[in-house]
Amino acid sequence: MPYLLAVVAGVLNMLQSGSNATLHQKLESGPVVPALVVYLTGMLAVLAASPFIGRSAEGVLGRAGAVPWWGWIGGAMGAFYVVVTLTQAKGMGAGAFTAVTLTAAVVTSLLLDHYGLMGFEVRPLTLLRVLGGVLMVAGVGLVACF
């Protein structure tokens, strides 16, 4: 089930890029208003789903001090991604945009795993994992240039 959910998340991530870019284009505004719309609709979706997917928020404030600094910046990183999709995805095209963002994510994930950064379990780089990253970079060239 985790892999199926990851596949669905990947598909939705790409569909979100197109949705965000269209919202930005049709509203004919800067990226702030569409980004706020994206986060408002996301917040409403999380609130609607919360009875089915989450634990209660009881005791959260007491545990907040245990969260490392990087646990608090995910929203800012997500906002950056949303603004980039709003302003760049349509111009680059779905294939190139996805190839670049996905490859950057894979290469970053290799480093996060290797060094155990941001709370990930250490998974050392192997020759095959490095080769996979190199092939991803080569794939960007193929998708973006042809």
N, C-alpha and C. Protein backbone atom coordinates (compact mmCIF):
# COMPACT_ATOMS: atom_id res chain seq x y z
N MET A 1 0.81 -1.21 0.00
CA MET A 1 0.00 0.00 0.00
C MET A 1 0.85 1.27 0.00
N PRO A 2 1.98 1.32 0.74
CA PRO A 2 2.78 2.55 0.71
C PRO A 2 3.26 2.91 -0.70
N TYR A 3 3.61 1.90 -1.50
CA TYR A 3 4.08 2.19 -2.86
C TYR A 3 2.95 2.69 -3.75
N LEU A 4 1.78 2.13 -3.59
CA LEU A 4 0.62 2.60 -4.35
C LEU A 4 0.31 4.05 -4.00
N LEU A 5 0.33 4.36 -2.72
CA LEU A 5 0.08 5.74 -2.30
C LEU A 5 1.16 6.68 -2.83
N ALA A 6 2.41 6.22 -2.87
CA ALA A 6 3.50 7.04 -3.41
C ALA A 6 3.29 7.28 -4.90
N VAL A 7 2.83 6.28 -5.63
CA VAL A 7 2.55 6.45 -7.06
C VAL A 7 1.43 7.48 -7.24
N VAL A 8 0.36 7.34 -6.47
CA VAL A 8 -0.75 8.30 -6.57
C VAL A 8 -0.26 9.70 -6.22
N ALA A 9 0.56 9.84 -5.19
CA ALA A 9 1.09 11.15 -4.81
C ALA A 9 1.93 11.73 -5.94
N GLY A 10 2.73 10.89 -6.60
CA GLY A 10 3.53 11.37 -7.73
C GLY A 10 2.68 11.85 -8.89
N VAL A 11 1.63 11.10 -9.19
CA VAL A 11 0.71 11.50 -10.27
C VAL A 11 0.03 12.81 -9.90
N LEU A 12 -0.47 12.89 -8.67
CA LEU A 12 -1.14 14.12 -8.24
C LEU A 12 -0.18 15.30 -8.20
N ASN A 13 1.06 15.06 -7.85
CA ASN A 13 2.06 16.14 -7.83
C ASN A 13 2.20 16.76 -9.22
N MET A 14 2.25 15.92 -10.24
CA MET A 14 2.39 16.44 -11.59
C MET A 14 1.11 17.12 -12.04
N LEU A 15 -0.03 16.52 -11.73
CA LEU A 15 -1.30 17.16 -12.08
C LEU A 15 -1.43 18.50 -11.37
N GLN A 16 -0.93 18.58 -10.14
CA GLN A 16 -0.97 19.83 -9.39
C GLN A 16 -0.17 20.91 -10.10
N SER A 17 0.94 20.54 -10.69
CA SER A 17 1.75 21.53 -11.41
C SER A 17 0.95 22.16 -12.53
N GLY A 18 0.25 21.34 -13.30
CA GLY A 18 -0.58 21.87 -14.38
C GLY A 18 -1.74 22.68 -13.86
N SER A 19 -2.37 22.20 -12.80
CA SER A 19 -3.48 22.91 -12.19
C SER A 19 -3.03 24.28 -11.67
N ASN A 20 -1.91 24.29 -10.96
CA ASN A 20 -1.38 25.55 -10.42
C ASN A 20 -1.04 26.53 -11.52
N ALA A 21 -0.36 26.05 -12.55
CA ALA A 21 0.04 26.93 -13.65
C ALA A 21 -1.17 27.50 -14.37
N THR A 22 -2.21 26.69 -14.55
CA THR A 22 -3.43 27.17 -15.20
C THR A 22 -4.12 28.22 -14.33
N LEU A 23 -4.18 27.98 -13.04
CA LEU A 23 -4.77 28.94 -12.11
C LEU A 23 -4.05 30.28 -12.22
N HIS A 24 -2.73 30.25 -12.21
CA HIS A 24 -1.93 31.47 -12.32
C HIS A 24 -2.20 32.17 -13.64
N GLN A 25 -2.22 31.41 -14.72
CA GLN A 25 -2.41 31.98 -16.06
C GLN A 25 -3.79 32.61 -16.20
N LYS A 26 -4.83 31.93 -15.76
CA LYS A 26 -6.20 32.41 -15.94
C LYS A 26 -6.56 33.56 -15.00
N LEU A 27 -5.97 33.59 -13.81
CA LEU A 27 -6.25 34.70 -12.90
C LEU A 27 -5.52 35.97 -13.32
N GLU A 28 -4.50 35.81 -14.16
CA GLU A 28 -3.72 36.95 -14.66
C GLU A 28 -3.25 37.84 -13.51
N SER A 29 -2.67 37.21 -12.51
CA SER A 29 -2.14 37.96 -11.37
C SER A 29 -0.74 37.47 -11.10
N GLY A 30 -0.11 38.07 -10.13
CA GLY A 30 1.18 37.55 -9.68
C GLY A 30 0.95 36.21 -9.00
N PRO A 31 1.99 35.59 -8.51
CA PRO A 31 1.84 34.25 -7.93
C PRO A 31 1.24 34.22 -6.53
N VAL A 32 1.09 35.37 -5.87
CA VAL A 32 0.63 35.35 -4.48
C VAL A 32 -0.81 34.85 -4.36
N VAL A 33 -1.73 35.41 -5.14
CA VAL A 33 -3.14 35.02 -5.03
C VAL A 33 -3.34 33.55 -5.39
N PRO A 34 -2.81 33.08 -6.52
CA PRO A 34 -2.97 31.65 -6.80
C PRO A 34 -2.34 30.75 -5.73
N ALA A 35 -1.21 31.14 -5.19
CA ALA A 35 -0.58 30.34 -4.14
C ALA A 35 -1.48 30.27 -2.91
N LEU A 36 -2.10 31.39 -2.56
CA LEU A 36 -3.02 31.38 -1.42
C LEU A 36 -4.22 30.48 -1.70
N VAL A 37 -4.72 30.50 -2.94
CA VAL A 37 -5.83 29.63 -3.31
C VAL A 37 -5.41 28.17 -3.18
N VAL A 38 -4.21 27.84 -3.65
CA VAL A 38 -3.70 26.47 -3.56
C VAL A 38 -3.66 26.02 -2.10
N TYR A 39 -3.11 26.85 -1.23
CA TYR A 39 -2.99 26.46 0.17
C TYR A 39 -4.33 26.45 0.89
N LEU A 40 -5.24 27.34 0.53
CA LEU A 40 -6.57 27.34 1.14
C LEU A 40 -7.32 26.07 0.76
N THR A 41 -7.30 25.70 -0.53
CA THR A 41 -7.99 24.48 -0.94
C THR A 41 -7.33 23.25 -0.33
N GLY A 42 -6.01 23.28 -0.21
CA GLY A 42 -5.31 22.17 0.44
C GLY A 42 -5.69 22.05 1.90
N MET A 43 -5.78 23.19 2.59
CA MET A 43 -6.16 23.18 4.00
C MET A 43 -7.58 22.64 4.16
N LEU A 44 -8.49 23.05 3.29
CA LEU A 44 -9.86 22.56 3.36
C LEU A 44 -9.92 21.05 3.11
N ALA A 45 -9.11 20.56 2.17
CA ALA A 45 -9.07 19.13 1.89
C ALA A 45 -8.54 18.35 3.09
N VAL A 46 -7.51 18.87 3.74
CA VAL A 46 -6.96 18.20 4.93
C VAL A 46 -7.99 18.20 6.05
N LEU A 47 -8.66 19.31 6.25
CA LEU A 47 -9.69 19.37 7.30
C LEU A 47 -10.82 18.39 7.02
N ALA A 48 -11.24 18.29 5.76
CA ALA A 48 -12.32 17.36 5.41
C ALA A 48 -11.90 15.91 5.60
N ALA A 49 -10.64 15.61 5.32
CA ALA A 49 -10.15 14.23 5.43
C ALA A 49 -9.70 13.86 6.84
N SER A 50 -9.48 14.85 7.68
CA SER A 50 -8.87 14.59 8.99
C SER A 50 -9.60 13.57 9.85
N PRO A 51 -10.92 13.50 9.84
CA PRO A 51 -11.55 12.47 10.68
C PRO A 51 -11.20 11.04 10.24
N PHE A 52 -10.76 10.89 9.01
CA PHE A 52 -10.50 9.56 8.47
C PHE A 52 -9.03 9.18 8.45
N ILE A 53 -8.13 10.18 8.55
CA ILE A 53 -6.71 9.87 8.34
C ILE A 53 -5.80 10.18 9.51
N GLY A 54 -6.27 10.90 10.50
CA GLY A 54 -5.30 11.36 11.49
C GLY A 54 -5.67 11.05 12.92
N ARG A 55 -4.71 11.27 13.76
CA ARG A 55 -4.93 11.17 15.20
C ARG A 55 -5.43 12.52 15.69
N SER A 56 -5.92 12.55 16.90
CA SER A 56 -6.40 13.81 17.44
C SER A 56 -5.22 14.75 17.69
N ALA A 57 -5.50 16.02 17.76
CA ALA A 57 -4.46 17.02 17.99
C ALA A 57 -4.17 17.21 19.47
N GLU A 58 -4.77 16.39 20.30
CA GLU A 58 -4.58 16.51 21.75
C GLU A 58 -3.11 16.34 22.11
N GLY A 59 -2.58 17.27 22.89
CA GLY A 59 -1.21 17.19 23.36
C GLY A 59 -0.16 17.69 22.38
N VAL A 60 -0.58 18.19 21.24
CA VAL A 60 0.37 18.64 20.22
C VAL A 60 1.27 19.75 20.73
N LEU A 61 0.69 20.72 21.41
CA LEU A 61 1.51 21.84 21.89
C LEU A 61 2.60 21.37 22.84
N GLY A 62 2.32 20.38 23.64
CA GLY A 62 3.32 19.86 24.56
C GLY A 62 4.47 19.16 23.84
N ARG A 63 4.22 18.65 22.66
CA ARG A 63 5.26 17.95 21.90
C ARG A 63 5.97 18.86 20.90
N ALA A 64 5.50 20.07 20.72
CA ALA A 64 6.07 20.97 19.71
C ALA A 64 7.55 21.26 19.94
N GLY A 65 7.97 21.31 21.18
CA GLY A 65 9.37 21.60 21.48
C GLY A 65 10.32 20.51 21.04
N ALA A 66 9.81 19.31 20.80
CA ALA A 66 10.66 18.19 20.39
C ALA A 66 10.92 18.18 18.88
N VAL A 67 10.24 19.06 18.16
CA VAL A 67 10.39 19.08 16.70
C VAL A 67 11.67 19.83 16.34
N PRO A 68 12.58 19.20 15.57
CA PRO A 68 13.80 19.91 15.16
C PRO A 68 13.46 21.04 14.20
N TRP A 69 14.41 21.94 14.01
CA TRP A 69 14.17 23.15 13.21
C TRP A 69 13.66 22.81 11.82
N TRP A 70 14.18 21.76 11.21
CA TRP A 70 13.78 21.47 9.83
C TRP A 70 12.34 20.95 9.75
N GLY A 71 11.79 20.56 10.88
CA GLY A 71 10.39 20.14 10.89
C GLY A 71 9.42 21.29 10.73
N TRP A 72 9.90 22.50 10.92
CA TRP A 72 9.04 23.68 10.85
C TRP A 72 9.10 24.40 9.51
N ILE A 73 9.95 23.98 8.60
CA ILE A 73 10.12 24.75 7.36
C ILE A 73 9.51 24.07 6.14
N GLY A 74 8.83 22.94 6.33
CA GLY A 74 8.21 22.24 5.20
C GLY A 74 7.20 23.10 4.46
N GLY A 75 6.43 23.87 5.19
CA GLY A 75 5.44 24.74 4.54
C GLY A 75 6.09 25.79 3.66
N ALA A 76 7.20 26.36 4.12
CA ALA A 76 7.91 27.36 3.31
C ALA A 76 8.50 26.71 2.06
N MET A 77 9.02 25.48 2.21
CA MET A 77 9.55 24.79 1.03
C MET A 77 8.43 24.45 0.06
N GLY A 78 7.29 24.03 0.60
CA GLY A 78 6.14 23.76 -0.25
C GLY A 78 5.65 25.00 -0.96
N ALA A 79 5.66 26.14 -0.26
CA ALA A 79 5.25 27.40 -0.88
C ALA A 79 6.18 27.77 -2.03
N PHE A 80 7.47 27.56 -1.84
CA PHE A 80 8.42 27.83 -2.92
C PHE A 80 8.09 26.95 -4.12
N TYR A 81 7.85 25.66 -3.88
CA TYR A 81 7.52 24.75 -4.97
C TYR A 81 6.25 25.20 -5.69
N VAL A 82 5.22 25.59 -4.93
CA VAL A 82 3.97 26.04 -5.54
C VAL A 82 4.20 27.27 -6.41
N VAL A 83 4.95 28.24 -5.91
CA VAL A 83 5.22 29.45 -6.70
C VAL A 83 5.99 29.10 -7.97
N VAL A 84 6.94 28.18 -7.87
CA VAL A 84 7.69 27.77 -9.07
C VAL A 84 6.76 27.09 -10.07
N THR A 85 5.87 26.22 -9.59
CA THR A 85 4.94 25.59 -10.54
C THR A 85 4.02 26.63 -11.17
N LEU A 86 3.59 27.60 -10.38
CA LEU A 86 2.72 28.65 -10.91
C LEU A 86 3.39 29.43 -12.03
N THR A 87 4.66 29.69 -11.86
CA THR A 87 5.34 30.61 -12.78
C THR A 87 6.20 29.94 -13.84
N GLN A 88 6.56 28.67 -13.67
CA GLN A 88 7.52 28.06 -14.59
C GLN A 88 7.03 26.81 -15.32
N ALA A 89 6.09 26.07 -14.76
CA ALA A 89 5.73 24.76 -15.31
C ALA A 89 5.23 24.82 -16.75
N LYS A 90 4.32 25.73 -17.03
CA LYS A 90 3.76 25.80 -18.39
C LYS A 90 4.82 26.17 -19.41
N GLY A 91 5.70 27.10 -19.07
CA GLY A 91 6.74 27.52 -20.00
C GLY A 91 7.75 26.42 -20.29
N MET A 92 8.06 25.61 -19.29
CA MET A 92 9.02 24.52 -19.48
C MET A 92 8.38 23.32 -20.16
N GLY A 93 7.08 23.14 -19.96
CA GLY A 93 6.39 21.94 -20.43
C GLY A 93 6.36 20.91 -19.32
N ALA A 94 5.33 20.07 -19.34
CA ALA A 94 5.15 19.08 -18.28
C ALA A 94 6.32 18.11 -18.20
N GLY A 95 6.79 17.65 -19.35
CA GLY A 95 7.89 16.67 -19.35
C GLY A 95 9.17 17.22 -18.76
N ALA A 96 9.58 18.38 -19.24
CA ALA A 96 10.84 18.96 -18.76
C ALA A 96 10.72 19.36 -17.29
N PHE A 97 9.59 19.97 -16.92
CA PHE A 97 9.41 20.39 -15.53
C PHE A 97 9.48 19.19 -14.60
N THR A 98 8.77 18.14 -14.97
CA THR A 98 8.77 16.93 -14.14
C THR A 98 10.15 16.30 -14.10
N ALA A 99 10.80 16.21 -15.24
CA ALA A 99 12.13 15.59 -15.29
C ALA A 99 13.11 16.32 -14.38
N VAL A 100 13.09 17.64 -14.45
CA VAL A 100 14.03 18.43 -13.64
C VAL A 100 13.70 18.30 -12.15
N THR A 101 12.43 18.50 -11.78
CA THR A 101 12.08 18.46 -10.36
C THR A 101 12.24 17.05 -9.78
N LEU A 102 11.86 16.04 -10.55
CA LEU A 102 11.99 14.67 -10.06
C LEU A 102 13.46 14.27 -9.92
N THR A 103 14.27 14.64 -10.89
CA THR A 103 15.70 14.31 -10.81
C THR A 103 16.35 15.03 -9.64
N ALA A 104 16.01 16.30 -9.46
CA ALA A 104 16.55 17.02 -8.30
C ALA A 104 16.13 16.34 -7.01
N ALA A 105 14.90 15.86 -6.96
CA ALA A 105 14.41 15.16 -5.77
C ALA A 105 15.15 13.85 -5.54
N VAL A 106 15.39 13.09 -6.61
CA VAL A 106 16.09 11.80 -6.46
C VAL A 106 17.53 12.02 -6.00
N VAL A 107 18.23 12.96 -6.63
CA VAL A 107 19.62 13.22 -6.25
C VAL A 107 19.68 13.71 -4.80
N THR A 108 18.77 14.60 -4.43
CA THR A 108 18.73 15.08 -3.05
C THR A 108 18.43 13.94 -2.09
N SER A 109 17.51 13.05 -2.48
CA SER A 109 17.16 11.94 -1.60
C SER A 109 18.34 11.00 -1.37
N LEU A 110 19.17 10.83 -2.39
CA LEU A 110 20.37 9.99 -2.22
C LEU A 110 21.28 10.58 -1.14
N LEU A 111 21.43 11.90 -1.17
CA LEU A 111 22.27 12.56 -0.16
C LEU A 111 21.63 12.52 1.23
N LEU A 112 20.32 12.74 1.29
CA LEU A 112 19.63 12.67 2.58
C LEU A 112 19.78 11.28 3.19
N ASP A 113 19.61 10.25 2.35
CA ASP A 113 19.77 8.87 2.84
C ASP A 113 21.20 8.58 3.26
N HIS A 114 22.15 8.97 2.43
CA HIS A 114 23.55 8.64 2.69
C HIS A 114 24.03 9.25 4.01
N TYR A 115 23.66 10.49 4.24
CA TYR A 115 24.12 11.18 5.45
C TYR A 115 23.12 11.12 6.60
N GLY A 116 21.95 10.54 6.37
CA GLY A 116 20.94 10.48 7.42
C GLY A 116 20.43 11.85 7.83
N LEU A 117 20.30 12.74 6.86
CA LEU A 117 19.87 14.11 7.15
C LEU A 117 18.36 14.20 7.31
N MET A 118 17.92 15.18 8.03
CA MET A 118 16.51 15.50 8.24
C MET A 118 15.73 14.31 8.79
N GLY A 119 16.38 13.50 9.59
CA GLY A 119 15.70 12.41 10.26
C GLY A 119 15.59 11.12 9.47
N PHE A 120 16.15 11.07 8.28
CA PHE A 120 16.10 9.83 7.50
C PHE A 120 17.11 8.83 8.04
N GLU A 121 16.74 7.56 7.95
CA GLU A 121 17.66 6.48 8.33
C GLU A 121 18.82 6.46 7.34
N VAL A 122 20.02 6.21 7.84
CA VAL A 122 21.20 6.16 6.96
C VAL A 122 21.10 4.96 6.03
N ARG A 123 21.21 5.25 4.74
CA ARG A 123 21.27 4.22 3.70
C ARG A 123 22.43 4.61 2.80
N PRO A 124 23.55 3.95 2.94
CA PRO A 124 24.76 4.36 2.22
C PRO A 124 24.59 4.38 0.71
N LEU A 125 25.32 5.29 0.08
CA LEU A 125 25.37 5.31 -1.38
C LEU A 125 26.07 4.05 -1.86
N THR A 126 25.52 3.47 -2.88
CA THR A 126 26.17 2.33 -3.53
C THR A 126 26.41 2.72 -4.97
N LEU A 127 27.21 1.96 -5.65
CA LEU A 127 27.48 2.23 -7.06
C LEU A 127 26.18 2.24 -7.86
N LEU A 128 25.29 1.30 -7.59
CA LEU A 128 24.04 1.24 -8.34
C LEU A 128 23.13 2.43 -8.04
N ARG A 129 23.11 2.90 -6.80
CA ARG A 129 22.30 4.07 -6.46
C ARG A 129 22.87 5.32 -7.14
N VAL A 130 24.18 5.46 -7.16
CA VAL A 130 24.81 6.58 -7.86
C VAL A 130 24.51 6.49 -9.35
N LEU A 131 24.61 5.29 -9.91
CA LEU A 131 24.30 5.10 -11.33
C LEU A 131 22.85 5.50 -11.62
N GLY A 132 21.95 5.14 -10.73
CA GLY A 132 20.56 5.55 -10.90
C GLY A 132 20.41 7.06 -10.95
N GLY A 133 21.12 7.77 -10.07
CA GLY A 133 21.10 9.23 -10.08
C GLY A 133 21.67 9.80 -11.36
N VAL A 134 22.77 9.21 -11.84
CA VAL A 134 23.39 9.67 -13.09
C VAL A 134 22.44 9.44 -14.26
N LEU A 135 21.76 8.30 -14.28
CA LEU A 135 20.81 8.03 -15.35
C LEU A 135 19.64 9.01 -15.31
N MET A 136 19.23 9.40 -14.11
CA MET A 136 18.17 10.40 -13.99
C MET A 136 18.61 11.73 -14.60
N VAL A 137 19.84 12.13 -14.31
CA VAL A 137 20.37 13.38 -14.87
C VAL A 137 20.42 13.28 -16.39
N ALA A 138 20.87 12.14 -16.92
CA ALA A 138 20.89 11.95 -18.37
C ALA A 138 19.48 12.00 -18.93
N GLY A 139 18.53 11.44 -18.20
CA GLY A 139 17.14 11.47 -18.64
C GLY A 139 16.59 12.88 -18.75
N VAL A 140 17.01 13.76 -17.85
CA VAL A 140 16.58 15.16 -17.94
C VAL A 140 16.99 15.74 -19.28
N GLY A 141 18.24 15.48 -19.66
CA GLY A 141 18.72 15.98 -20.95
C GLY A 141 17.88 15.46 -22.10
N LEU A 142 17.53 14.19 -22.06
CA LEU A 142 16.73 13.61 -23.14
C LEU A 142 15.32 14.19 -23.17
N VAL A 143 14.69 14.30 -22.01
CA VAL A 143 13.32 14.80 -21.95
C VAL A 143 13.25 16.29 -22.27
N ALA A 144 14.19 17.05 -21.75
CA ALA A 144 14.15 18.51 -21.91
C ALA A 144 14.60 18.97 -23.29
N CYS A 145 15.45 18.20 -23.94
CA CYS A 145 16.04 18.67 -25.21
C CYS A 145 15.41 18.05 -26.45
N PHE A 146 14.66 16.99 -26.30
CA PHE A 146 14.13 16.33 -27.50
C PHE A 146 12.63 16.22 -27.48
